[in-house]
Amino acid sequence: MKSMAELEAIRQRTLQRINLRKEDQNENIRVVVGMATCGIAAGARPVMMGFMDEINKRGLSHVTVSQTGCIGMCRLEPMVDVYLPGQEKVTYVHMTPEKVGRVVAEHIVNGRPVTEYTIGAAEENK
């Protein structure tokens, strides 16, 4: 059993780590790939690997790639959300490894979303 002082020290260290992550999220770019069964079946794994490779190749240390589960729009998989600090989230749909380079170059590096790959464009073309 831990003493109250030890538990308080653990609590303080944990809160500091959480606050650091929050600060990092305000400055970092996040790429979130849908990796539920539907996304994986549609090809999300090569898309995620493509983002990781392209980001590493360019040395973009301020970009993190993570995964999430299903958000309920399986027909649009593979889906990728890109979060740039101070901007609205952009959701890319029907992603392929071939599209990754353009998204990284135009959106992540230059701040201009590739609109023809987004959910809005997909919904207009139904």
Protein backbone atom coordinates (compact mmCIF):
# COMPACT_ATOMS: atom_id res chain seq x y z
CA MET A 1 0.00 0.00 0.00
CA LYS A 2 1.24 3.47 -0.87
CA SER A 3 1.27 6.29 1.64
CA MET A 4 -0.79 9.43 1.03
CA ALA A 5 2.41 11.35 0.26
CA GLU A 6 3.47 8.78 -2.36
CA LEU A 7 0.02 8.82 -3.94
CA GLU A 8 0.05 12.63 -4.07
CA ALA A 9 3.48 12.58 -5.74
CA ILE A 10 2.20 10.10 -8.36
CA ARG A 11 -0.85 12.31 -8.92
CA GLN A 12 1.30 15.42 -9.44
CA ARG A 13 3.62 13.66 -11.91
CA THR A 14 0.62 12.39 -13.86
CA LEU A 15 -0.98 15.84 -13.99
CA GLN A 16 2.28 17.33 -15.26
CA ARG A 17 2.46 14.74 -18.06
CA ILE A 18 -1.15 15.43 -19.02
CA ASN A 19 -0.51 19.16 -19.13
CA LEU A 20 2.59 18.64 -21.28
CA ARG A 21 0.57 16.57 -23.72
CA LYS A 22 -2.10 19.29 -23.88
CA GLU A 23 0.56 21.90 -24.62
CA ASP A 24 2.11 19.67 -27.27
CA GLN A 25 -1.28 19.15 -28.92
CA ASN A 26 -1.69 22.92 -29.23
CA GLU A 27 1.55 23.13 -31.23
CA ASN A 28 1.69 19.77 -32.98
CA ILE A 29 -0.10 18.51 -36.03
CA ARG A 30 -2.02 15.26 -35.59
CA VAL A 31 -2.92 12.70 -38.25
CA VAL A 32 -5.53 10.18 -37.04
CA VAL A 33 -6.22 7.12 -39.18
CA GLY A 34 -9.40 5.05 -38.77
CA MET A 35 -8.15 1.55 -37.97
CA ALA A 36 -11.28 -0.34 -36.98
CA THR A 37 -12.09 -3.57 -38.82
CA CYS A 38 -13.88 -1.61 -41.56
CA GLY A 39 -10.90 0.70 -42.09
CA ILE A 40 -8.38 -2.12 -42.11
CA ALA A 41 -10.50 -4.09 -44.60
CA ALA A 42 -10.67 -1.01 -46.85
CA GLY A 43 -6.88 -0.50 -46.78
CA ALA A 44 -6.15 1.75 -43.81
CA ARG A 45 -2.95 -0.03 -42.75
CA PRO A 46 -0.99 0.90 -45.92
CA VAL A 47 -2.40 4.44 -45.65
CA MET A 48 -1.17 4.77 -42.07
CA MET A 49 2.23 3.37 -43.01
CA GLY A 50 2.35 5.81 -45.92
CA PHE A 51 1.78 8.76 -43.59
CA MET A 52 4.44 7.50 -41.17
CA ASP A 53 6.97 6.97 -43.98
CA GLU A 54 6.31 10.34 -45.63
CA ILE A 55 6.45 12.24 -42.33
CA ASN A 56 9.68 10.49 -41.33
CA LYS A 57 11.20 11.05 -44.79
CA ARG A 58 10.49 14.78 -44.50
CA GLY A 59 11.72 14.97 -40.90
CA LEU A 60 8.45 16.44 -39.62
CA SER A 61 9.02 15.89 -35.90
CA HIS A 62 6.02 18.08 -34.96
CA VAL A 63 3.56 15.65 -36.62
CA THR A 64 2.14 12.64 -34.83
CA VAL A 65 0.31 9.75 -36.49
CA SER A 66 -2.15 7.78 -34.40
CA GLN A 67 -5.12 5.51 -34.92
CA THR A 68 -8.73 5.46 -33.84
CA GLY A 69 -11.64 3.06 -34.07
CA CYS A 70 -14.77 3.20 -36.19
CA ILE A 71 -16.75 6.43 -36.38
CA GLY A 72 -19.67 4.88 -38.24
CA MET A 73 -19.08 5.85 -41.85
CA CYS A 74 -17.65 2.57 -43.11
CA ARG A 75 -18.56 3.33 -46.73
CA LEU A 76 -16.01 6.18 -46.74
CA GLU A 77 -13.07 4.19 -45.36
CA PRO A 78 -10.13 4.48 -45.22
CA MET A 79 -10.64 7.78 -43.40
CA VAL A 80 -8.00 10.15 -42.02
CA ASP A 81 -8.46 13.23 -39.83
CA VAL A 82 -5.82 15.97 -39.93
CA TYR A 83 -5.67 18.44 -37.05
CA LEU A 84 -3.62 21.60 -37.54
CA PRO A 85 -3.29 23.95 -34.55
CA GLY A 86 -5.93 26.68 -34.58
CA GLN A 87 -7.82 25.21 -37.54
CA GLU A 88 -10.85 23.01 -38.07
CA LYS A 89 -10.30 19.28 -38.40
CA VAL A 90 -10.17 18.07 -42.01
CA THR A 91 -11.49 14.58 -42.78
CA TYR A 92 -10.11 12.77 -45.80
CA VAL A 93 -12.06 9.81 -47.19
CA HIS A 94 -11.33 6.91 -49.55
CA MET A 95 -7.64 7.47 -48.82
CA THR A 96 -4.99 5.46 -50.60
CA PRO A 97 -1.22 5.32 -50.12
CA GLU A 98 -0.91 7.17 -53.44
CA LYS A 99 -2.82 10.18 -52.03
CA VAL A 100 -0.72 10.45 -48.87
CA GLY A 101 2.21 12.37 -50.40
CA ARG A 102 -0.06 15.09 -51.71
CA VAL A 103 -1.89 15.45 -48.37
CA VAL A 104 1.43 15.73 -46.53
CA ALA A 105 2.91 18.22 -49.01
CA GLU A 106 -0.11 20.45 -49.49
CA HIS A 107 -1.98 20.22 -46.19
CA ILE A 108 0.51 19.31 -43.48
CA VAL A 109 3.50 21.23 -44.85
CA ASN A 110 1.75 24.14 -46.60
CA GLY A 111 -1.54 24.37 -44.69
CA ARG A 112 -3.82 23.95 -47.71
CA PRO A 113 -6.28 21.02 -47.48
CA VAL A 114 -6.63 18.84 -50.56
CA THR A 115 -10.35 19.50 -50.94
CA GLU A 116 -11.06 16.86 -53.57
CA TYR A 117 -10.07 14.14 -51.09
CA THR A 118 -12.25 15.45 -48.25
CA ILE A 119 -15.56 14.23 -46.90
CA GLY A 120 -17.28 17.33 -48.30
CA ALA A 121 -16.21 16.53 -51.85
CA ALA A 122 -17.26 12.89 -51.43
CA GLU A 123 -20.73 13.89 -50.25
CA GLU A 124 -21.17 16.33 -53.18
CA ASN A 125 -20.28 13.62 -55.69
CA LYS A 126 -22.75 11.00 -54.42
